[in-house]
Amino acid sequence: MIDCIALARIIQLENDARQAQWRRNEDAFYQEYGRDPWALFTWFANALDAGYAWFKTKKADRPDIGRSACDGDDCCGQAASARI
């Protein structure tokens, strides 16, 4: 139990020292945490985001590529303006 408390105190002191260093030198913060994420992680997060957005849209709001607003020769201006 005392070992866990001592370890927690050591971690807290290290964090305090690191934050004091960041206050003195703001560039140190960005050098430590300014790395770009992995490309695979970014791709996976974007894919999840797009999938969730597609899943949450109503069926009527999903793009229907096979149909247009004006299927026949009598194209309706109102339908075309509503899609803009």
PDB file of N, CA and C in Angstrom:
ATOM      1  N   MET A   1       0.830  -1.192   0.000  1.00  0.00           N
ATOM      2  CA  MET A   1       0.000   0.000   0.000  1.00  0.00           C
ATOM      3  C   MET A   1       0.876   1.258   0.000  1.00  0.00           C
ATOM      4  N   ILE A   2       1.893   1.247   0.840  1.00  0.00           N
ATOM      5  CA  ILE A   2       2.774   2.410   0.918  1.00  0.00           C
ATOM      6  C   ILE A   2       3.575   2.542  -0.376  1.00  0.00           C
ATOM      7  N   ASP A   3       3.905   1.404  -1.007  1.00  0.00           N
ATOM      8  CA  ASP A   3       4.632   1.440  -2.278  1.00  0.00           C
ATOM      9  C   ASP A   3       3.796   2.125  -3.351  1.00  0.00           C
ATOM     10  N   CYS A   4       2.499   1.828  -3.368  1.00  0.00           N
ATOM     11  CA  CYS A   4       1.611   2.452  -4.356  1.00  0.00           C
ATOM     12  C   CYS A   4       1.497   3.952  -4.122  1.00  0.00           C
ATOM     13  N   ILE A   5       1.426   4.348  -2.863  1.00  0.00           N
ATOM     14  CA  ILE A   5       1.347   5.781  -2.549  1.00  0.00           C
ATOM     15  C   ILE A   5       2.643   6.476  -2.942  1.00  0.00           C
ATOM     16  N   ALA A   6       3.780   5.840  -2.662  1.00  0.00           N
ATOM     17  CA  ALA A   6       5.074   6.420  -3.031  1.00  0.00           C
ATOM     18  C   ALA A   6       5.208   6.519  -4.549  1.00  0.00           C
ATOM     19  N   LEU A   7       4.762   5.499  -5.271  1.00  0.00           N
ATOM     20  CA  LEU A   7       4.823   5.536  -6.734  1.00  0.00           C
ATOM     21  C   LEU A   7       3.928   6.643  -7.289  1.00  0.00           C
ATOM     22  N   ALA A   8       2.744   6.791  -6.718  1.00  0.00           N
ATOM     23  CA  ALA A   8       1.846   7.859  -7.159  1.00  0.00           C
ATOM     24  C   ALA A   8       2.454   9.226  -6.886  1.00  0.00           C
ATOM     25  N   ARG A   9       3.117   9.382  -5.757  1.00  0.00           N
ATOM     26  CA  ARG A   9       3.757  10.663  -5.419  1.00  0.00           C
ATOM     27  C   ARG A   9       4.915  10.954  -6.374  1.00  0.00           C
ATOM     28  N   ILE A  10       5.686   9.936  -6.721  1.00  0.00           N
ATOM     29  CA  ILE A  10       6.794  10.119  -7.670  1.00  0.00           C
ATOM     30  C   ILE A  10       6.261  10.563  -9.026  1.00  0.00           C
ATOM     31  N   ILE A  11       5.191   9.922  -9.486  1.00  0.00           N
ATOM     32  CA  ILE A  11       4.590  10.302 -10.768  1.00  0.00           C
ATOM     33  C   ILE A  11       4.060  11.727 -10.712  1.00  0.00           C
ATOM     34  N   GLN A  12       3.452  12.085  -9.591  1.00  0.00           N
ATOM     35  CA  GLN A  12       2.930  13.449  -9.446  1.00  0.00           C
ATOM     36  C   GLN A  12       4.067  14.468  -9.465  1.00  0.00           C
ATOM     37  N   LEU A  13       5.164  14.188  -8.798  1.00  0.00           N
ATOM     38  CA  LEU A  13       6.304  15.107  -8.804  1.00  0.00           C
ATOM     39  C   LEU A  13       6.908  15.240 -10.200  1.00  0.00           C
ATOM     40  N   GLU A  14       6.993  14.121 -10.940  1.00  0.00           N
ATOM     41  CA  GLU A  14       7.498  14.195 -12.313  1.00  0.00           C
ATOM     42  C   GLU A  14       6.586  15.041 -13.191  1.00  0.00           C
ATOM     43  N   ASN A  15       5.277  14.880 -13.034  1.00  0.00           N
ATOM     44  CA  ASN A  15       4.331  15.688 -13.815  1.00  0.00           C
ATOM     45  C   ASN A  15       4.428  17.161 -13.454  1.00  0.00           C
ATOM     46  N   ASP A  16       4.584  17.456 -12.164  1.00  0.00           N
ATOM     47  CA  ASP A  16       4.740  18.853 -11.746  1.00  0.00           C
ATOM     48  C   ASP A  16       6.006  19.468 -12.332  1.00  0.00           C
ATOM     49  N   ALA A  17       7.097  18.696 -12.336  1.00  0.00           N
ATOM     50  CA  ALA A  17       8.353  19.196 -12.908  1.00  0.00           C
ATOM     51  C   ALA A  17       8.211  19.420 -14.409  1.00  0.00           C
ATOM     52  N   ARG A  18       7.514  18.512 -15.088  1.00  0.00           N
ATOM     53  CA  ARG A  18       7.319  18.662 -16.528  1.00  0.00           C
ATOM     54  C   ARG A  18       6.448  19.888 -16.841  1.00  0.00           C
ATOM     55  N   GLN A  19       5.402  20.103 -16.047  1.00  0.00           N
ATOM     56  CA  GLN A  19       4.544  21.270 -16.262  1.00  0.00           C
ATOM     57  C   GLN A  19       5.294  22.570 -15.982  1.00  0.00           C
ATOM     58  N   ALA A  20       6.167  22.566 -14.983  1.00  0.00           N
ATOM     59  CA  ALA A  20       6.982  23.752 -14.711  1.00  0.00           C
ATOM     60  C   ALA A  20       7.921  24.030 -15.876  1.00  0.00           C
ATOM     61  N   GLN A  21       8.470  22.978 -16.464  1.00  0.00           N
ATOM     62  CA  GLN A  21       9.334  23.148 -17.632  1.00  0.00           C
ATOM     63  C   GLN A  21       8.532  23.719 -18.793  1.00  0.00           C
ATOM     64  N   TRP A  22       7.299  23.255 -18.983  1.00  0.00           N
ATOM     65  CA  TRP A  22       6.461  23.755 -20.069  1.00  0.00           C
ATOM     66  C   TRP A  22       6.109  25.223 -19.861  1.00  0.00           C
ATOM     67  N   ARG A  23       5.926  25.633 -18.602  1.00  0.00           N
ATOM     68  CA  ARG A  23       5.628  27.043 -18.347  1.00  0.00           C
ATOM     69  C   ARG A  23       6.818  27.923 -18.700  1.00  0.00           C
ATOM     70  N   ARG A  24       8.026  27.412 -18.429  1.00  0.00           N
ATOM     71  CA  ARG A  24       9.226  28.181 -18.755  1.00  0.00           C
ATOM     72  C   ARG A  24       9.496  28.191 -20.264  1.00  0.00           C
ATOM     73  N   ASN A  25       9.247  27.072 -20.909  1.00  0.00           N
ATOM     74  CA  ASN A  25       9.577  26.927 -22.321  1.00  0.00           C
ATOM     75  C   ASN A  25       8.393  26.252 -23.019  1.00  0.00           C
ATOM     76  N   GLU A  26       7.573  27.039 -23.683  1.00  0.00           N
ATOM     77  CA  GLU A  26       6.370  26.507 -24.329  1.00  0.00           C
ATOM     78  C   GLU A  26       6.719  25.540 -25.458  1.00  0.00           C
ATOM     79  N   ASP A  27       7.859  25.724 -26.090  1.00  0.00           N
ATOM     80  CA  ASP A  27       8.262  24.834 -27.181  1.00  0.00           C
ATOM     81  C   ASP A  27       8.478  23.400 -26.691  1.00  0.00           C
ATOM     82  N   ALA A  28       8.858  23.234 -25.439  1.00  0.00           N
ATOM     83  CA  ALA A  28       9.080  21.888 -24.904  1.00  0.00           C
ATOM     84  C   ALA A  28       7.780  21.091 -24.897  1.00  0.00           C
ATOM     85  N   PHE A  29       6.675  21.760 -24.615  1.00  0.00           N
ATOM     86  CA  PHE A  29       5.370  21.084 -24.637  1.00  0.00           C
ATOM     87  C   PHE A  29       5.059  20.562 -26.031  1.00  0.00           C
ATOM     88  N   TYR A  30       5.250  21.417 -27.034  1.00  0.00           N
ATOM     89  CA  TYR A  30       4.919  21.023 -28.401  1.00  0.00           C
ATOM     90  C   TYR A  30       5.900  19.988 -28.954  1.00  0.00           C
ATOM     91  N   GLN A  31       7.141  20.009 -28.473  1.00  0.00           N
ATOM     92  CA  GLN A  31       8.084  18.979 -28.899  1.00  0.00           C
ATOM     93  C   GLN A  31       7.700  17.622 -28.330  1.00  0.00           C
ATOM     94  N   GLU A  32       7.136  17.617 -27.123  1.00  0.00           N
ATOM     95  CA  GLU A  32       6.765  16.351 -26.501  1.00  0.00           C
ATOM     96  C   GLU A  32       5.442  15.806 -27.022  1.00  0.00           C
ATOM     97  N   TYR A  33       4.461  16.689 -27.229  1.00  0.00           N
ATOM     98  CA  TYR A  33       3.128  16.236 -27.619  1.00  0.00           C
ATOM     99  C   TYR A  33       2.734  16.631 -29.040  1.00  0.00           C
ATOM    100  N   GLY A  34       3.624  17.210 -29.798  1.00  0.00           N
ATOM    101  CA  GLY A  34       3.282  17.702 -31.120  1.00  0.00           C
ATOM    102  C   GLY A  34       3.506  16.721 -32.254  1.00  0.00           C
ATOM    103  N   ARG A  35       3.715  15.459 -31.937  1.00  0.00           N
ATOM    104  CA  ARG A  35       3.928  14.470 -32.997  1.00  0.00           C
ATOM    105  C   ARG A  35       2.621  14.176 -33.718  1.00  0.00           C
ATOM    106  N   ASP A  36       2.719  13.903 -35.001  1.00  0.00           N
ATOM    107  CA  ASP A  36       1.547  13.525 -35.783  1.00  0.00           C
ATOM    108  C   ASP A  36       1.140  12.096 -35.442  1.00  0.00           C
ATOM    109  N   PRO A  37      -0.168  11.819 -35.452  1.00  0.00           N
ATOM    110  CA  PRO A  37      -0.592  10.436 -35.185  1.00  0.00           C
ATOM    111  C   PRO A  37      -0.234   9.525 -36.353  1.00  0.00           C
ATOM    112  N   TRP A  38      -0.248   8.237 -36.109  1.00  0.00           N
ATOM    113  CA  TRP A  38       0.055   7.271 -37.156  1.00  0.00           C
ATOM    114  C   TRP A  38      -0.961   7.385 -38.278  1.00  0.00           C
ATOM    115  N   ALA A  39      -0.525   7.181 -39.503  1.00  0.00           N
ATOM    116  CA  ALA A  39      -1.409   7.306 -40.664  1.00  0.00           C
ATOM    117  C   ALA A  39      -2.524   6.262 -40.624  1.00  0.00           C
ATOM    118  N   LEU A  40      -2.220   5.058 -40.186  1.00  0.00           N
ATOM    119  CA  LEU A  40      -3.240   4.016 -40.102  1.00  0.00           C
ATOM    120  C   LEU A  40      -4.317   4.379 -39.081  1.00  0.00           C
ATOM    121  N   PHE A  41      -3.900   4.944 -37.959  1.00  0.00           N
ATOM    122  CA  PHE A  41      -4.860   5.375 -36.947  1.00  0.00           C
ATOM    123  C   PHE A  41      -5.758   6.479 -37.493  1.00  0.00           C
ATOM    124  N   THR A  42      -5.180   7.430 -38.199  1.00  0.00           N
ATOM    125  CA  THR A  42      -5.960   8.520 -38.781  1.00  0.00           C
ATOM    126  C   THR A  42      -6.936   7.987 -39.819  1.00  0.00           C
ATOM    127  N   TRP A  43      -6.492   7.068 -40.671  1.00  0.00           N
ATOM    128  CA  TRP A  43      -7.371   6.501 -41.690  1.00  0.00           C
ATOM    129  C   TRP A  43      -8.527   5.751 -41.030  1.00  0.00           C
ATOM    130  N   PHE A  44      -8.225   4.953 -40.009  1.00  0.00           N
ATOM    131  CA  PHE A  44      -9.259   4.179 -39.328  1.00  0.00           C
ATOM    132  C   PHE A  44     -10.268   5.101 -38.645  1.00  0.00           C
ATOM    133  N   ALA A  45      -9.807   6.171 -38.012  1.00  0.00           N
ATOM    134  CA  ALA A  45     -10.708   7.119 -37.355  1.00  0.00           C
ATOM    135  C   ALA A  45     -11.598   7.814 -38.383  1.00  0.00           C
ATOM    136  N   ASN A  46     -11.035   8.189 -39.524  1.00  0.00           N
ATOM    137  CA  ASN A  46     -11.840   8.821 -40.571  1.00  0.00           C
ATOM    138  C   ASN A  46     -12.869   7.855 -41.142  1.00  0.00           C
ATOM    139  N   ALA A  47     -12.492   6.581 -41.294  1.00  0.00           N
ATOM    140  CA  ALA A  47     -13.427   5.578 -41.799  1.00  0.00           C
ATOM    141  C   ALA A  47     -14.571   5.360 -40.804  1.00  0.00           C
ATOM    142  N   LEU A  48     -14.250   5.292 -39.526  1.00  0.00           N
ATOM    143  CA  LEU A  48     -15.304   5.162 -38.513  1.00  0.00           C
ATOM    144  C   LEU A  48     -16.229   6.376 -38.513  1.00  0.00           C
ATOM    145  N   ASP A  49     -15.655   7.552 -38.644  1.00  0.00           N
ATOM    146  CA  ASP A  49     -16.452   8.774 -38.659  1.00  0.00           C
ATOM    147  C   ASP A  49     -17.388   8.803 -39.859  1.00  0.00           C
ATOM    148  N   ALA A  50     -16.889   8.448 -41.027  1.00  0.00           N
ATOM    149  CA  ALA A  50     -17.723   8.433 -42.232  1.00  0.00           C
ATOM    150  C   ALA A  50     -18.795   7.353 -42.143  1.00  0.00           C
ATOM    151  N   GLY A  51     -18.451   6.199 -41.616  1.00  0.00           N
ATOM    152  CA  GLY A  51     -19.439   5.123 -41.457  1.00  0.00           C
ATOM    153  C   GLY A  51     -20.530   5.491 -40.485  1.00  0.00           C
ATOM    154  N   TYR A  52     -20.162   6.136 -39.394  1.00  0.00           N
ATOM    155  CA  TYR A  52     -21.167   6.553 -38.416  1.00  0.00           C
ATOM    156  C   TYR A  52     -22.071   7.631 -39.007  1.00  0.00           C
ATOM    157  N   ALA A  53     -21.496   8.575 -39.751  1.00  0.00           N
ATOM    158  CA  ALA A  53     -22.306   9.622 -40.373  1.00  0.00           C
ATOM    159  C   ALA A  53     -23.270   9.019 -41.390  1.00  0.00           C
ATOM    160  N   TRP A  54     -22.805   8.030 -42.162  1.00  0.00           N
ATOM    161  CA  TRP A  54     -23.675   7.383 -43.145  1.00  0.00           C
ATOM    162  C   TRP A  54     -24.778   6.612 -42.437  1.00  0.00           C
ATOM    163  N   PHE A  55     -24.446   5.947 -41.346  1.00  0.00           N
ATOM    164  CA  PHE A  55     -25.422   5.150 -40.608  1.00  0.00           C
ATOM    165  C   PHE A  55     -26.502   6.025 -39.982  1.00  0.00           C
ATOM    166  N   LYS A  56     -26.136   7.227 -39.538  1.00  0.00           N
ATOM    167  CA  LYS A  56     -27.092   8.092 -38.851  1.00  0.00           C
ATOM    168  C   LYS A  56     -27.995   8.872 -39.810  1.00  0.00           C
ATOM    169  N   THR A  57     -27.661   8.935 -41.098  1.00  0.00           N
ATOM    170  CA  THR A  57     -28.528   9.647 -42.027  1.00  0.00           C
ATOM    171  C   THR A  57     -29.760   8.807 -42.302  1.00  0.00           C
ATOM    172  N   LYS A  58     -30.840   9.495 -42.573  1.00  0.00           N
ATOM    173  CA  LYS A  58     -32.076   8.797 -42.911  1.00  0.00           C
ATOM    174  C   LYS A  58     -31.938   8.185 -44.302  1.00  0.00           C
ATOM    175  N   LYS A  59     -32.736   7.188 -44.567  1.00  0.00           N
ATOM    176  CA  LYS A  59     -32.633   6.513 -45.855  1.00  0.00           C
ATOM    177  C   LYS A  59     -32.944   7.475 -47.001  1.00  0.00           C
ATOM    178  N   ALA A  60     -33.873   8.392 -46.787  1.00  0.00           N
ATOM    179  CA  ALA A  60     -34.221   9.344 -47.842  1.00  0.00           C
ATOM    180  C   ALA A  60     -33.099  10.340 -48.090  1.00  0.00           C
ATOM    181  N   ASP A  61     -32.237  10.575 -47.116  1.00  0.00           N
ATOM    182  CA  ASP A  61     -31.159  11.539 -47.272  1.00  0.00           C
ATOM    183  C   ASP A  61     -29.910  10.940 -47.912  1.00  0.00           C
ATOM    184  N   ARG A  62     -29.858   9.627 -48.044  1.00  0.00           N
ATOM    185  CA  ARG A  62     -28.686   9.005 -48.650  1.00  0.00           C
ATOM    186  C   ARG A  62     -28.675   9.290 -50.156  1.00  0.00           C
ATOM    187  N   PRO A  63     -27.526   9.490 -50.711  1.00  0.00           N
ATOM    188  CA  PRO A  63     -27.467   9.785 -52.133  1.00  0.00           C
ATOM    189  C   PRO A  63     -27.928   8.595 -52.974  1.00  0.00           C
ATOM    190  N   ASP A  64     -28.828   8.870 -53.898  1.00  0.00           N
ATOM    191  CA  ASP A  64     -29.325   7.839 -54.803  1.00  0.00           C
ATOM    192  C   ASP A  64     -28.729   8.128 -56.171  1.00  0.00           C
ATOM    193  N   ILE A  65     -27.666   7.440 -56.503  1.00  0.00           N
ATOM    194  CA  ILE A  65     -26.904   7.751 -57.715  1.00  0.00           C
ATOM    195  C   ILE A  65     -27.686   7.380 -58.968  1.00  0.00           C
ATOM    196  N   GLY A  66     -28.505   6.353 -58.918  1.00  0.00           N
ATOM    197  CA  GLY A  66     -29.218   5.903 -60.096  1.00  0.00           C
ATOM    198  C   GLY A  66     -30.374   6.793 -60.509  1.00  0.00           C
ATOM    199  N   ARG A  67     -30.766   7.728 -59.673  1.00  0.00           N
ATOM    200  CA  ARG A  67     -31.908   8.597 -59.976  1.00  0.00           C
ATOM    201  C   ARG A  67     -31.483  10.050 -59.907  1.00  0.00           C
ATOM    202  N   SER A  68     -32.062  10.857 -60.749  1.00  0.00           N
ATOM    203  CA  SER A  68     -31.822  12.291 -60.661  1.00  0.00           C
ATOM    204  C   SER A  68     -33.140  12.980 -60.337  1.00  0.00           C
ATOM    205  N   ALA A  69     -33.069  14.279 -60.092  1.00  0.00           N
ATOM    206  CA  ALA A  69     -34.285  15.031 -59.758  1.00  0.00           C
ATOM    207  C   ALA A  69     -35.200  15.142 -60.973  1.00  0.00           C
ATOM    208  N   CYS A  70     -34.636  15.072 -62.165  1.00  0.00           N
ATOM    209  CA  CYS A  70     -35.419  15.200 -63.396  1.00  0.00           C
ATOM    210  C   CYS A  70     -35.186  13.958 -64.244  1.00  0.00           C
ATOM    211  N   ASP A  71     -36.058  12.967 -64.119  1.00  0.00           N
ATOM    212  CA  ASP A  71     -35.891  11.740 -64.886  1.00  0.00           C
ATOM    213  C   ASP A  71     -36.387  11.869 -66.317  1.00  0.00           C
ATOM    214  N   GLY A  72     -37.400  12.683 -66.523  1.00  0.00           N
ATOM    215  CA  GLY A  72     -37.989  12.788 -67.853  1.00  0.00           C
ATOM    216  C   GLY A  72     -37.574  14.058 -68.572  1.00  0.00           C
ATOM    217  N   ASP A  73     -38.265  14.317 -69.716  1.00  0.00           N
ATOM    218  CA  ASP A  73     -37.968  15.527 -70.480  1.00  0.00           C
ATOM    219  C   ASP A  73     -38.557  16.763 -69.825  1.00  0.00           C
ATOM    220  N   ASP A  74     -39.610  16.582 -69.044  1.00  0.00           N
ATOM    221  CA  ASP A  74     -40.256  17.730 -68.394  1.00  0.00           C
ATOM    222  C   ASP A  74     -39.572  18.013 -67.049  1.00  0.00           C
ATOM    223  N   CYS A  75     -38.370  18.535 -67.115  1.00  0.00           N
ATOM    224  CA  CYS A  75     -37.547  18.778 -65.930  1.00  0.00           C
ATOM    225  C   CYS A  75     -38.191  19.864 -65.086  1.00  0.00           C
ATOM    226  N   CYS A  76     -38.264  19.611 -63.814  1.00  0.00           N
ATOM    227  CA  CYS A  76     -38.894  20.539 -62.900  1.00  0.00           C
ATOM    228  C   CYS A  76     -37.838  21.424 -62.276  1.00  0.00           C
ATOM    229  N   GLY A  77     -37.960  22.717 -62.403  1.00  0.00           N
ATOM    230  CA  GLY A  77     -36.999  23.660 -61.856  1.00  0.00           C
ATOM    231  C   GLY A  77     -37.005  23.652 -60.340  1.00  0.00           C
ATOM    232  N   GLN A  78     -38.155  23.366 -59.759  1.00  0.00           N
ATOM    233  CA  GLN A  78     -38.249  23.379 -58.301  1.00  0.00           C
ATOM    234  C   GLN A  78     -37.416  22.238 -57.703  1.00  0.00           C
ATOM    235  N   ALA A  79     -37.455  21.075 -58.295  1.00  0.00           N
ATOM    236  CA  ALA A  79     -36.690  19.944 -57.788  1.00  0.00           C
ATOM    237  C   ALA A  79     -35.184  20.223 -57.916  1.00  0.00           C
ATOM    238  N   ALA A  80     -34.792  20.847 -59.011  1.00  0.00           N
ATOM    239  CA  ALA A  80     -33.378  21.150 -59.207  1.00  0.00           C
ATOM    240  C   ALA A  80     -32.901  22.194 -58.213  1.00  0.00           C
ATOM    241  N   SER A  81     -33.732  23.179 -57.913  1.00  0.00           N
ATOM    242  CA  SER A  81     -33.317  24.214 -56.985  1.00  0.00           C
ATOM    243  C   SER A  81     -33.332  23.700 -55.541  1.00  0.00           C
ATOM    244  N   ALA A  82     -34.143  22.688 -55.264  1.00  0.00           N
ATOM    245  CA  ALA A  82     -34.190  22.163 -53.901  1.00  0.00           C
ATOM    246  C   ALA A  82     -32.941  21.359 -53.577  1.00  0.00           C
ATOM    247  N   ARG A  83     -32.235  20.860 -54.572  1.00  0.00           N
ATOM    248  CA  ARG A  83     -31.040  20.044 -54.335  1.00  0.00           C
ATOM    249  C   ARG A  83     -29.790  20.891 -54.202  1.00  0.00           C
ATOM    250  N   ILE A  84     -29.866  22.169 -54.435  1.00  0.00           N
ATOM    251  CA  ILE A  84     -28.670  23.024 -54.384  1.00  0.00           C
ATOM    252  C   ILE A  84     -28.310  23.334 -52.971  1.00  0.00           C
TER     253      ILE A  84
END
